Amino acid sequence: MFSMPLKLFKIGYRQVLRDGMLLILIPAPFLMGAALRVLLPFVDGMMQEQIGITLVPWYPVSDALVLTMTPVMTAMICAFVILEERDEGISMYYNITPASGPSYLMARIALPMIWGFLSTVLVIRIFAFGHYDPLILLTSSLIGTLQGVIVSMFLVTVAGNKVEGLALAKLSNIFVMGFVIPWVIHSPFRLIFGILPGFWIGAMLKAQSLDLLTLTMYGLAGLISCGIFMTLLTNMFLRRIS
């Protein structure tokens, strides 16, 4: 059952190893987490000394950025591999072999995004400034991973080729920046942005600890948000890879 997806995954992995841009995206989340962990306290110390302002209350925003971008980077690898195969006509070959359909999706989206989820949890555990409830960390990482799947689906659906995908990848970053909203908008009207999965990631990390009922509500809201975007993109996405 898993032999074909694993074979396709290995083929995709070799493609990534040959592409320097995609290869650097694998360790990039760890490099970003380490850089922020070192640089922010340094900048904070300078700001306190020079102008009496501290960045400490904003440290969780850094954690939310790392948690959001880690699975998105994995998702971009997925999207660019699919786009490259489409550009070269390889995906047409897959469509007439047992490698089509579910096997292809598992190899190009599901298996890589499992790594996206695990690496998200790992990066936050190592480099986060805040001390987060494990359930909050797991729930927000899951929502972040699904948000990454949405980004991958969007790039494959809209981009005509890999070059266009690079340009659209920058645009997709606007979509994932919803995690900032809980820190910058305090009005009840901020719930309007609840349609964005990132909003719920930010809300959970800002709280750092939540009772089980509230965490469940936030988690379900984030999952529903992801489900809406995935439903909107699914048919177009499947047509583009077929």
Protein backbone atom coordinates (compact mmCIF):
# COMPACT_ATOMS: atom_id res chain seq x y z
CA MET A 1 0.00 0.00 0.00
CA PHE A 2 2.79 2.40 0.89
CA SER A 3 5.46 1.08 -1.48
CA MET A 4 4.48 3.33 -4.40
CA PRO A 5 4.16 6.55 -2.34
CA LEU A 6 7.54 5.80 -0.72
CA LYS A 7 9.16 5.30 -4.14
CA LEU A 8 7.70 8.58 -5.37
CA PHE A 9 8.78 10.30 -2.18
CA LYS A 10 12.36 9.13 -2.68
CA ILE A 11 12.29 10.44 -6.27
CA GLY A 12 11.04 13.81 -5.03
CA TYR A 13 13.66 13.86 -2.28
CA ARG A 14 16.42 13.36 -4.86
CA GLN A 15 14.98 16.28 -6.84
CA VAL A 16 15.21 18.46 -3.73
CA LEU A 17 18.84 17.43 -3.14
CA ARG A 18 19.72 18.58 -6.66
CA ASP A 19 18.05 21.98 -6.21
CA GLY A 20 20.00 24.29 -3.91
CA MET A 21 17.03 26.62 -3.34
CA LEU A 22 14.77 23.79 -2.19
CA LEU A 23 17.53 22.09 -0.22
CA ILE A 24 18.15 25.15 1.95
CA LEU A 25 14.45 25.20 2.91
CA ILE A 26 14.91 21.98 4.89
CA PRO A 27 17.22 23.41 7.60
CA ALA A 28 15.90 26.98 7.17
CA PRO A 29 13.35 26.79 10.05
CA PHE A 30 16.08 25.70 12.47
CA LEU A 31 18.38 28.46 11.24
CA MET A 32 15.57 31.02 11.58
CA GLY A 33 14.69 29.84 15.08
CA ALA A 34 18.32 29.96 16.20
CA ALA A 35 18.89 33.40 14.66
CA LEU A 36 15.84 34.91 16.35
CA ARG A 37 16.73 33.26 19.67
CA VAL A 38 20.13 34.96 19.60
CA LEU A 39 19.37 38.27 17.90
CA LEU A 40 16.17 39.35 19.66
CA PRO A 41 17.66 39.42 23.21
CA PHE A 42 20.68 41.27 21.81
CA VAL A 43 18.48 43.90 20.10
CA ASP A 44 16.28 44.08 23.20
CA GLY A 45 19.28 44.84 25.39
CA MET A 46 20.38 47.61 23.05
CA MET A 47 16.91 49.14 22.90
CA GLN A 48 16.51 49.10 26.68
CA GLU A 49 19.87 50.80 27.08
CA GLN A 50 19.33 53.41 24.36
CA ILE A 51 15.62 54.28 24.47
CA GLY A 52 14.18 52.38 27.44
CA ILE A 53 11.92 50.12 25.37
CA THR A 54 11.80 46.33 25.74
CA LEU A 55 10.83 43.73 23.16
CA VAL A 56 10.11 41.03 25.74
CA PRO A 57 6.29 41.30 25.45
CA TRP A 58 6.69 40.66 21.71
CA TYR A 59 8.83 37.55 22.02
CA PRO A 60 5.81 35.24 21.56
CA VAL A 61 5.24 36.89 18.16
CA SER A 62 8.65 35.55 17.18
CA ASP A 63 7.56 32.08 18.31
CA ALA A 64 4.38 32.39 16.25
CA LEU A 65 6.42 33.42 13.21
CA VAL A 66 8.69 30.38 13.52
CA LEU A 67 5.76 28.04 14.14
CA THR A 68 3.93 29.43 11.10
CA MET A 69 6.83 29.50 8.67
CA THR A 70 8.28 26.07 9.48
CA PRO A 71 5.49 24.03 7.84
CA VAL A 72 5.07 26.68 5.13
CA MET A 73 8.68 26.14 4.06
CA THR A 74 8.02 22.41 3.78
CA ALA A 75 4.85 23.17 1.83
CA MET A 76 6.82 25.31 -0.60
CA ILE A 77 9.17 22.41 -1.23
CA CYS A 78 6.13 20.24 -2.02
CA ALA A 79 4.68 22.84 -4.38
CA PHE A 80 7.93 23.48 -6.26
CA VAL A 81 8.57 19.76 -6.77
CA ILE A 82 5.06 19.36 -8.22
CA LEU A 83 5.49 22.45 -10.41
CA GLU A 84 8.85 21.22 -11.68
CA GLU A 85 7.39 17.84 -12.56
CA ARG A 86 4.53 19.57 -14.35
CA ASP A 87 6.94 21.84 -16.25
CA GLU A 88 8.97 18.83 -17.39
CA GLY A 89 5.92 16.72 -18.25
CA ILE A 90 6.77 14.08 -15.65
CA SER A 91 3.37 14.42 -13.97
CA MET A 92 1.69 13.39 -17.24
CA TYR A 93 3.69 10.17 -17.14
CA TYR A 94 2.61 9.52 -13.56
CA ASN A 95 -1.05 9.91 -14.59
CA ILE A 96 -0.90 6.77 -16.74
CA THR A 97 0.86 4.67 -14.12
CA PRO A 98 -0.13 3.32 -10.67
CA ALA A 99 1.74 6.33 -9.28
CA SER A 100 -1.19 8.63 -10.04
CA GLY A 101 -3.96 9.82 -7.74
CA PRO A 102 -3.73 9.01 -4.01
CA SER A 103 -0.18 7.64 -4.26
CA TYR A 104 1.06 10.86 -5.85
CA LEU A 105 -0.72 13.04 -3.29
CA MET A 106 0.63 10.99 -0.41
CA ALA A 107 4.18 11.21 -1.76
CA ARG A 108 4.11 14.88 -2.66
CA ILE A 109 1.92 16.35 0.11
CA ALA A 110 1.12 13.98 2.98
CA LEU A 111 4.53 12.45 3.71
CA PRO A 112 6.49 15.73 3.49
CA MET A 113 3.94 17.52 5.67
CA ILE A 114 4.32 14.88 8.37
CA TRP A 115 7.92 16.10 8.53
CA GLY A 116 6.55 19.65 8.47
CA PHE A 117 4.50 18.92 11.59
CA LEU A 118 7.29 17.13 13.46
CA SER A 119 9.87 19.78 12.61
CA THR A 120 7.49 22.51 13.77
CA VAL A 121 7.12 20.91 17.19
CA LEU A 122 10.87 20.33 17.39
CA VAL A 123 11.88 23.86 16.38
CA ILE A 124 9.48 25.45 18.87
CA ARG A 125 10.59 23.15 21.67
CA ILE A 126 14.22 24.07 21.04
CA PHE A 127 14.08 27.77 20.23
CA ALA A 128 10.84 29.20 21.64
CA PHE A 129 11.00 32.08 24.09
CA GLY A 130 7.69 31.16 25.73
CA HIS A 131 6.77 28.11 27.78
CA TYR A 132 3.70 26.67 26.08
CA ASP A 133 1.24 24.07 27.22
CA PRO A 134 1.99 20.88 25.21
CA LEU A 135 -1.61 20.73 23.95
CA ILE A 136 -1.36 24.32 22.70
CA LEU A 137 1.90 23.49 20.95
CA LEU A 138 0.48 20.38 19.28
CA THR A 139 -2.80 22.04 18.29
CA SER A 140 -1.18 25.15 16.86
CA SER A 141 1.42 23.02 15.03
CA LEU A 142 -1.37 20.95 13.47
CA ILE A 143 -3.19 24.08 12.30
CA GLY A 144 0.10 25.48 11.01
CA THR A 145 0.75 22.26 9.09
CA LEU A 146 -2.70 22.34 7.47
CA GLN A 147 -2.14 26.00 6.65
CA GLY A 148 1.05 24.87 4.91
CA VAL A 149 -0.97 22.37 2.86
CA ILE A 150 -3.23 25.26 1.82
CA VAL A 151 -0.21 27.27 0.68
CA SER A 152 1.07 24.30 -1.33
CA MET A 153 -2.34 23.79 -2.95
CA PHE A 154 -2.60 27.50 -3.73
CA LEU A 155 0.81 27.63 -5.42
CA VAL A 156 0.17 24.53 -7.53
CA THR A 157 -3.32 25.72 -8.47
CA VAL A 158 -2.50 29.30 -9.43
CA ALA A 159 1.09 29.14 -10.70
CA GLY A 160 1.58 28.26 -14.35
CA ASN A 161 5.17 27.22 -13.80
CA LYS A 162 7.94 27.18 -11.21
CA VAL A 163 8.95 30.80 -11.94
CA GLU A 164 5.41 32.02 -11.27
CA GLY A 165 5.38 29.85 -8.16
CA LEU A 166 8.37 31.75 -6.79
CA ALA A 167 6.54 35.05 -7.20
CA LEU A 168 3.30 33.72 -5.72
CA ALA A 169 5.18 32.26 -2.75
CA LYS A 170 5.88 35.82 -1.61
CA LEU A 171 2.20 36.70 -1.97
CA SER A 172 1.17 33.65 0.05
CA ASN A 173 3.18 34.99 2.99
CA ILE A 174 0.50 37.67 3.41
CA PHE A 175 -2.08 34.93 3.94
CA VAL A 176 -0.11 33.23 6.73
CA MET A 177 0.61 36.45 8.64
CA GLY A 178 -2.75 36.30 10.41
CA PHE A 179 -0.96 35.20 13.58
CA VAL A 180 0.02 38.84 14.23
CA ILE A 181 -3.58 40.06 14.60
CA PRO A 182 -4.20 39.00 18.26
CA TRP A 183 -1.25 41.19 19.30
CA VAL A 184 -2.10 44.30 17.26
CA ILE A 185 -5.92 44.39 17.31
CA HIS A 186 -7.65 44.26 20.67
CA SER A 187 -11.18 45.10 19.54
CA PRO A 188 -13.77 42.29 19.43
CA PHE A 189 -13.92 43.00 15.71
CA ARG A 190 -10.63 41.15 15.36
CA LEU A 191 -12.69 37.94 15.23
CA ILE A 192 -13.49 38.92 11.64
CA PHE A 193 -9.98 37.68 10.87
CA GLY A 194 -10.84 34.29 12.38
CA ILE A 195 -11.30 33.05 8.82
CA LEU A 196 -7.49 32.97 8.67
CA PRO A 197 -5.93 29.85 10.26
CA GLY A 198 -2.99 31.93 11.47
CA PHE A 199 -5.29 34.02 13.65
CA TRP A 200 -5.97 31.02 15.88
CA ILE A 201 -2.27 30.13 16.04
CA GLY A 202 -1.56 33.64 17.30
CA ALA A 203 -4.44 33.53 19.77
CA MET A 204 -3.20 30.28 21.30
CA LEU A 205 0.44 31.30 21.54
CA LYS A 206 -0.44 34.67 23.00
CA ALA A 207 -2.35 32.93 25.79
CA GLN A 208 0.45 30.33 26.33
CA SER A 209 -1.95 28.38 28.58
CA LEU A 210 -5.70 27.79 28.10
CA ASP A 211 -8.38 25.73 29.80
CA LEU A 212 -9.38 22.64 27.84
CA LEU A 213 -12.72 24.06 26.65
CA THR A 214 -11.20 27.27 25.27
CA LEU A 215 -8.34 25.36 23.66
CA THR A 216 -10.85 23.00 22.04
CA MET A 217 -12.86 25.94 20.69
CA TYR A 218 -9.76 27.67 19.31
CA GLY A 219 -8.51 24.41 17.81
CA LEU A 220 -11.83 23.61 16.14
CA ALA A 221 -12.09 27.15 14.79
CA GLY A 222 -8.61 26.86 13.29
CA LEU A 223 -9.37 23.45 11.77
CA ILE A 224 -12.66 24.71 10.31
CA SER A 225 -10.81 27.67 8.82
CA CYS A 226 -8.30 25.32 7.21
CA GLY A 227 -11.11 23.09 5.98
CA ILE A 228 -12.84 26.01 4.25
CA PHE A 229 -9.75 26.99 2.27
CA MET A 230 -8.86 23.39 1.43
CA THR A 231 -12.40 22.75 0.20
CA LEU A 232 -12.28 25.84 -2.02
CA LEU A 233 -8.97 24.77 -3.55
CA THR A 234 -9.40 20.99 -3.81
CA ASN A 235 -11.18 20.67 -7.17
CA MET A 236 -8.89 23.18 -8.90
CA PHE A 237 -5.84 21.59 -7.32
CA LEU A 238 -6.79 18.09 -8.47
CA ARG A 239 -7.38 19.35 -12.01
CA ARG A 240 -3.95 21.01 -12.08
CA ILE A 241 -2.08 17.84 -11.07
CA SER A 242 -4.09 15.53 -13.33
